[in-house]
Amino acid sequence: GSISGDSLTYSDSYNVTNGKDITAVTYA
């Protein structure tokens, strides 16, 4: 159905509460 970017959507099978506490940084 969708490939998400920085969305914060809920799915019953995941441990999701909200997205405001999650950050990601990438290093080469």
PDB file of all heavy atoms in Angstrom:
ATOM      1  N   GLY A   1       0.781  -1.222   0.000  1.00  0.00           N
ATOM      2  CA  GLY A   1       0.000   0.000   0.000  1.00  0.00           C
ATOM      3  C   GLY A   1       0.810   1.268   0.000  1.00  0.00           C
ATOM      4  O   GLY A   1       0.498   2.189  -0.723  1.00  0.00           O
ATOM      5  N   SER A   2       1.856   1.377   0.791  1.00  0.00           N
ATOM      6  CA  SER A   2       2.627   2.613   0.824  1.00  0.00           C
ATOM      7  C   SER A   2       4.036   2.344   1.296  1.00  0.00           C
ATOM      8  O   SER A   2       4.288   1.426   2.054  1.00  0.00           O
ATOM      9  CB  SER A   2       1.967   3.638   1.753  1.00  0.00           C
ATOM     10  OG  SER A   2       2.049   3.193   3.088  1.00  0.00           O
ATOM     11  N   ILE A   3       4.924   3.174   0.795  1.00  0.00           N
ATOM     12  CA  ILE A   3       6.297   3.191   1.286  1.00  0.00           C
ATOM     13  C   ILE A   3       6.495   4.530   1.940  1.00  0.00           C
ATOM     14  O   ILE A   3       6.396   5.565   1.304  1.00  0.00           O
ATOM     15  CB  ILE A   3       7.300   3.005   0.132  1.00  0.00           C
ATOM     16  CG1 ILE A   3       7.030   1.690  -0.575  1.00  0.00           C
ATOM     17  CG2 ILE A   3       8.712   3.050   0.655  1.00  0.00           C
ATOM     18  CD1 ILE A   3       7.248   0.476   0.290  1.00  0.00           C
ATOM     19  N   SER A   4       6.762   4.544   3.239  1.00  0.00           N
ATOM     20  CA  SER A   4       6.689   5.775   4.001  1.00  0.00           C
ATOM     21  C   SER A   4       8.039   6.435   4.143  1.00  0.00           C
ATOM     22  O   SER A   4       9.077   5.808   4.050  1.00  0.00           O
ATOM     23  CB  SER A   4       6.123   5.490   5.403  1.00  0.00           C
ATOM     24  OG  SER A   4       4.849   4.909   5.286  1.00  0.00           O
ATOM     25  N   GLY A   5       7.985   7.752   4.405  1.00  0.00           N
ATOM     26  CA  GLY A   5       9.193   8.499   4.705  1.00  0.00           C
ATOM     27  C   GLY A   5       9.251   8.761   6.190  1.00  0.00           C
ATOM     28  O   GLY A   5       9.482   7.869   6.971  1.00  0.00           O
ATOM     29  N   ASP A   6       8.952  10.019   6.576  1.00  0.00           N
ATOM     30  CA  ASP A   6       9.022  10.330   7.991  1.00  0.00           C
ATOM     31  C   ASP A   6       7.647  10.376   8.623  1.00  0.00           C
ATOM     32  O   ASP A   6       7.374  11.140   9.518  1.00  0.00           O
ATOM     33  CB  ASP A   6       9.740  11.660   8.215  1.00  0.00           C
ATOM     34  CG  ASP A   6       9.098  12.791   7.437  1.00  0.00           C
ATOM     35  OD1 ASP A   6       8.140  12.519   6.705  1.00  0.00           O
ATOM     36  OD2 ASP A   6       9.563  13.930   7.574  1.00  0.00           O
ATOM     37  N   SER A   7       6.740   9.552   8.127  1.00  0.00           N
ATOM     38  CA  SER A   7       5.393   9.541   8.680  1.00  0.00           C
ATOM     39  C   SER A   7       5.371   8.840  10.023  1.00  0.00           C
ATOM     40  O   SER A   7       6.259   8.080  10.361  1.00  0.00           O
ATOM     41  CB  SER A   7       4.436   8.819   7.717  1.00  0.00           C
ATOM     42  OG  SER A   7       4.768   7.454   7.648  1.00  0.00           O
ATOM     43  N   LEU A   8       4.308   9.078  10.761  1.00  0.00           N
ATOM     44  CA  LEU A   8       4.153   8.487  12.081  1.00  0.00           C
ATOM     45  C   LEU A   8       2.794   7.826  12.127  1.00  0.00           C
ATOM     46  O   LEU A   8       1.817   8.406  12.587  1.00  0.00           O
ATOM     47  CB  LEU A   8       4.279   9.564  13.164  1.00  0.00           C
ATOM     48  CG  LEU A   8       5.511  10.455  13.037  1.00  0.00           C
ATOM     49  CD1 LEU A   8       5.465  11.554  14.074  1.00  0.00           C
ATOM     50  CD2 LEU A   8       6.761   9.640  13.199  1.00  0.00           C
ATOM     51  N   THR A   9       2.699   6.631  11.587  1.00  0.00           N
ATOM     52  CA  THR A   9       1.418   5.959  11.504  1.00  0.00           C
ATOM     53  C   THR A   9       1.407   4.736  12.394  1.00  0.00           C
ATOM     54  O   THR A   9       2.441   4.153  12.690  1.00  0.00           O
ATOM     55  CB  THR A   9       1.127   5.522  10.056  1.00  0.00           C
ATOM     56  OG1 THR A   9       2.233   4.745   9.592  1.00  0.00           O
ATOM     57  CG2 THR A   9       0.975   6.740   9.154  1.00  0.00           C
ATOM     58  N   TYR A  10       0.222   4.356  12.829  1.00  0.00           N
ATOM     59  CA  TYR A  10       0.076   3.282  13.807  1.00  0.00           C
ATOM     60  C   TYR A  10      -0.325   1.969  13.144  1.00  0.00           C
ATOM     61  O   TYR A  10      -1.141   1.940  12.234  1.00  0.00           O
ATOM     62  CB  TYR A  10      -0.986   3.681  14.829  1.00  0.00           C
ATOM     63  CG  TYR A  10      -1.211   2.617  15.874  1.00  0.00           C
ATOM     64  CD1 TYR A  10      -0.329   2.477  16.936  1.00  0.00           C
ATOM     65  CD2 TYR A  10      -2.282   1.745  15.775  1.00  0.00           C
ATOM     66  CE1 TYR A  10      -0.520   1.494  17.889  1.00  0.00           C
ATOM     67  CE2 TYR A  10      -2.472   0.768  16.729  1.00  0.00           C
ATOM     68  CZ  TYR A  10      -1.601   0.645  17.778  1.00  0.00           C
ATOM     69  OH  TYR A  10      -1.800  -0.332  18.707  1.00  0.00           O
ATOM     70  N   SER A  11       0.249   0.879  13.613  1.00  0.00           N
ATOM     71  CA  SER A  11      -0.131  -0.459  13.175  1.00  0.00           C
ATOM     72  C   SER A  11      -0.264  -1.344  14.398  1.00  0.00           C
ATOM     73  O   SER A  11       0.584  -1.325  15.284  1.00  0.00           O
ATOM     74  CB  SER A  11       0.917  -1.034  12.223  1.00  0.00           C
ATOM     75  OG  SER A  11       0.646  -2.376  11.947  1.00  0.00           O
ATOM     76  N   ASP A  12      -1.330  -2.120  14.454  1.00  0.00           N
ATOM     77  CA  ASP A  12      -1.609  -2.899  15.658  1.00  0.00           C
ATOM     78  C   ASP A  12      -0.506  -3.883  16.012  1.00  0.00           C
ATOM     79  O   ASP A  12      -0.357  -4.271  17.159  1.00  0.00           O
ATOM     80  CB  ASP A  12      -2.922  -3.683  15.474  1.00  0.00           C
ATOM     81  CG  ASP A  12      -4.123  -2.762  15.491  1.00  0.00           C
ATOM     82  OD1 ASP A  12      -3.991  -1.645  16.032  1.00  0.00           O
ATOM     83  OD2 ASP A  12      -5.165  -3.158  14.969  1.00  0.00           O
ATOM     84  N   SER A  13       0.284  -4.314  15.034  1.00  0.00           N
ATOM     85  CA  SER A  13       1.256  -5.366  15.288  1.00  0.00           C
ATOM     86  C   SER A  13       2.619  -4.834  15.719  1.00  0.00           C
ATOM     87  O   SER A  13       3.521  -5.610  15.967  1.00  0.00           O
ATOM     88  CB  SER A  13       1.428  -6.210  14.020  1.00  0.00           C
ATOM     89  OG  SER A  13       1.881  -5.406  12.951  1.00  0.00           O
ATOM     90  N   TYR A  14       2.769  -3.505  15.803  1.00  0.00           N
ATOM     91  CA  TYR A  14       4.069  -2.932  16.125  1.00  0.00           C
ATOM     92  C   TYR A  14       4.045  -2.239  17.482  1.00  0.00           C
ATOM     93  O   TYR A  14       3.011  -1.854  17.978  1.00  0.00           O
ATOM     94  CB  TYR A  14       4.492  -1.905  15.061  1.00  0.00           C
ATOM     95  CG  TYR A  14       4.534  -2.450  13.665  1.00  0.00           C
ATOM     96  CD1 TYR A  14       4.177  -1.659  12.583  1.00  0.00           C
ATOM     97  CD2 TYR A  14       4.896  -3.771  13.423  1.00  0.00           C
ATOM     98  CE1 TYR A  14       4.207  -2.156  11.294  1.00  0.00           C
ATOM     99  CE2 TYR A  14       4.927  -4.274  12.145  1.00  0.00           C
ATOM    100  CZ  TYR A  14       4.585  -3.467  11.083  1.00  0.00           C
ATOM    101  OH  TYR A  14       4.609  -3.957   9.815  1.00  0.00           O
ATOM    102  N   ASN A  15       5.227  -2.049  18.063  1.00  0.00           N
ATOM    103  CA  ASN A  15       5.359  -1.347  19.341  1.00  0.00           C
ATOM    104  C   ASN A  15       5.448   0.156  19.087  1.00  0.00           C
ATOM    105  O   ASN A  15       6.478   0.777  19.271  1.00  0.00           O
ATOM    106  CB  ASN A  15       6.616  -1.810  20.072  1.00  0.00           C
ATOM    107  CG  ASN A  15       6.557  -3.263  20.428  1.00  0.00           C
ATOM    108  OD1 ASN A  15       5.821  -3.664  21.315  1.00  0.00           O
ATOM    109  ND2 ASN A  15       7.327  -4.074  19.726  1.00  0.00           N
ATOM    110  N   VAL A  16       4.366   0.752  18.626  1.00  0.00           N
ATOM    111  CA  VAL A  16       4.383   2.160  18.270  1.00  0.00           C
ATOM    112  C   VAL A  16       3.498   2.946  19.229  1.00  0.00           C
ATOM    113  O   VAL A  16       2.359   2.583  19.460  1.00  0.00           O
ATOM    114  CB  VAL A  16       3.883   2.371  16.829  1.00  0.00           C
ATOM    115  CG1 VAL A  16       3.808   3.859  16.517  1.00  0.00           C
ATOM    116  CG2 VAL A  16       4.798   1.671  15.851  1.00  0.00           C
ATOM    117  N   THR A  17       4.031   4.022  19.806  1.00  0.00           N
ATOM    118  CA  THR A  17       3.219   4.933  20.594  1.00  0.00           C
ATOM    119  C   THR A  17       3.116   6.273  19.880  1.00  0.00           C
ATOM    120  O   THR A  17       2.052   6.787  19.666  1.00  0.00           O
ATOM    121  CB  THR A  17       3.824   5.130  21.994  1.00  0.00           C
ATOM    122  OG1 THR A  17       5.187   5.549  21.864  1.00  0.00           O
ATOM    123  CG2 THR A  17       3.768   3.848  22.773  1.00  0.00           C
ATOM    124  N   ASN A  18       4.213   6.847  19.505  1.00  0.00           N
ATOM    125  CA  ASN A  18       4.261   8.057  18.693  1.00  0.00           C
ATOM    126  C   ASN A  18       5.647   8.129  18.098  1.00  0.00           C
ATOM    127  O   ASN A  18       6.487   7.286  18.359  1.00  0.00           O
ATOM    128  CB  ASN A  18       3.954   9.302  19.538  1.00  0.00           C
ATOM    129  CG  ASN A  18       4.877   9.381  20.746  1.00  0.00           C
ATOM    130  OD1 ASN A  18       6.088   9.435  20.607  1.00  0.00           O
ATOM    131  ND2 ASN A  18       4.295   9.381  21.934  1.00  0.00           N
ATOM    132  N   GLY A  19       5.902   9.144  17.291  1.00  0.00           N
ATOM    133  CA  GLY A  19       7.209   9.217  16.654  1.00  0.00           C
ATOM    134  C   GLY A  19       8.080  10.346  17.135  1.00  0.00           C
ATOM    135  O   GLY A  19       9.203  10.491  16.668  1.00  0.00           O
ATOM    136  N   LYS A  20       7.591  11.156  18.069  1.00  0.00           N
ATOM    137  CA  LYS A  20       8.324  12.352  18.414  1.00  0.00           C
ATOM    138  C   LYS A  20       9.601  12.060  19.197  1.00  0.00           C
ATOM    139  O   LYS A  20      10.465  12.918  19.307  1.00  0.00           O
ATOM    140  CB  LYS A  20       7.441  13.311  19.207  1.00  0.00           C
ATOM    141  CG  LYS A  20       6.973  12.789  20.555  1.00  0.00           C
ATOM    142  CD  LYS A  20       6.015  13.781  21.203  1.00  0.00           C
ATOM    143  CE  LYS A  20       5.525  13.297  22.550  1.00  0.00           C
ATOM    144  NZ  LYS A  20       4.568  14.248  23.162  1.00  0.00           N
ATOM    145  N   ASP A  21       9.759  10.860  19.738  1.00  0.00           N
ATOM    146  CA  ASP A  21      10.946  10.533  20.524  1.00  0.00           C
ATOM    147  C   ASP A  21      11.994   9.773  19.722  1.00  0.00           C
ATOM    148  O   ASP A  21      13.017   9.381  20.266  1.00  0.00           O
ATOM    149  CB  ASP A  21      10.545   9.709  21.756  1.00  0.00           C
ATOM    150  CG  ASP A  21       9.676  10.496  22.719  1.00  0.00           C
ATOM    151  OD1 ASP A  21       9.956  11.693  22.897  1.00  0.00           O
ATOM    152  OD2 ASP A  21       8.731   9.927  23.279  1.00  0.00           O
ATOM    153  N   ILE A  22      11.745   9.540  18.422  1.00  0.00           N
ATOM    154  CA  ILE A  22      12.661   8.776  17.581  1.00  0.00           C
ATOM    155  C   ILE A  22      13.436   9.712  16.663  1.00  0.00           C
ATOM    156  O   ILE A  22      12.862  10.578  16.009  1.00  0.00           O
ATOM    157  CB  ILE A  22      11.897   7.743  16.734  1.00  0.00           C
ATOM    158  CG1 ILE A  22      11.277   6.668  17.621  1.00  0.00           C
ATOM    159  CG2 ILE A  22      12.808   7.111  15.693  1.00  0.00           C
ATOM    160  CD1 ILE A  22      12.271   5.697  18.205  1.00  0.00           C
ATOM    161  N   THR A  23      14.757   9.561  16.629  1.00  0.00           N
ATOM    162  CA  THR A  23      15.592  10.315  15.695  1.00  0.00           C
ATOM    163  C   THR A  23      16.551   9.354  15.009  1.00  0.00           C
ATOM    164  O   THR A  23      16.877   8.289  15.545  1.00  0.00           O
ATOM    165  CB  THR A  23      16.406  11.418  16.402  1.00  0.00           C
ATOM    166  OG1 THR A  23      17.280  10.810  17.364  1.00  0.00           O
ATOM    167  CG2 THR A  23      15.492  12.411  17.091  1.00  0.00           C
ATOM    168  N   ALA A  24      17.018   9.733  13.821  1.00  0.00           N
ATOM    169  CA  ALA A  24      17.984   8.908  13.087  1.00  0.00           C
ATOM    170  C   ALA A  24      18.975   9.812  12.377  1.00  0.00           C
ATOM    171  O   ALA A  24      18.587  10.801  11.747  1.00  0.00           O
ATOM    172  CB  ALA A  24      17.272   8.009  12.079  1.00  0.00           C
ATOM    173  N   VAL A  25      20.255   9.490  12.494  1.00  0.00           N
ATOM    174  CA  VAL A  25      21.327  10.226  11.821  1.00  0.00           C
ATOM    175  C   VAL A  25      22.230   9.210  11.132  1.00  0.00           C
ATOM    176  O   VAL A  25      22.569   8.175  11.714  1.00  0.00           O
ATOM    177  CB  VAL A  25      22.146  11.077  12.813  1.00  0.00           C
ATOM    178  CG1 VAL A  25      23.241  11.838  12.076  1.00  0.00           C
ATOM    179  CG2 VAL A  25      21.243  12.046  13.568  1.00  0.00           C
ATOM    180  N   THR A  26      22.627   9.503   9.881  1.00  0.00           N
ATOM    181  CA  THR A  26      23.443   8.581   9.097  1.00  0.00           C
ATOM    182  C   THR A  26      24.850   9.139   8.910  1.00  0.00           C
ATOM    183  O   THR A  26      25.034  10.324   8.623  1.00  0.00           O
ATOM    184  CB  THR A  26      22.797   8.328   7.724  1.00  0.00           C
ATOM    185  OG1 THR A  26      21.514   7.723   7.926  1.00  0.00           O
ATOM    186  CG2 THR A  26      23.661   7.399   6.878  1.00  0.00           C
ATOM    187  N   TYR A  27      25.842   8.252   9.058  1.00  0.00           N
ATOM    188  CA  TYR A  27      27.249   8.611   8.890  1.00  0.00           C
ATOM    189  C   TYR A  27      27.871   7.704   7.829  1.00  0.00           C
ATOM    190  O   TYR A  27      27.554   6.508   7.761  1.00  0.00           O
ATOM    191  CB  TYR A  27      28.013   8.455  10.205  1.00  0.00           C
ATOM    192  CG  TYR A  27      27.419   9.247  11.355  1.00  0.00           C
ATOM    193  CD1 TYR A  27      26.468   8.669  12.197  1.00  0.00           C
ATOM    194  CD2 TYR A  27      27.787  10.565  11.587  1.00  0.00           C
ATOM    195  CE1 TYR A  27      25.909   9.383  13.248  1.00  0.00           C
ATOM    196  CE2 TYR A  27      27.236  11.292  12.631  1.00  0.00           C
ATOM    197  CZ  TYR A  27      26.299  10.691  13.462  1.00  0.00           C
ATOM    198  OH  TYR A  27      25.740  11.398  14.492  1.00  0.00           O
ATOM    199  N   ALA A  28      28.760   8.262   7.011  1.00  0.00           N
ATOM    200  CA  ALA A  28      29.476   7.478   6.002  1.00  0.00           C
ATOM    201  C   ALA A  28      30.781   6.960   6.584  1.00  0.00           C
ATOM    202  O   ALA A  28      31.383   7.582   7.470  1.00  0.00           O
ATOM    203  CB  ALA A  28      29.742   8.317   4.767  1.00  0.00           C
TER     204      ALA A  28
END
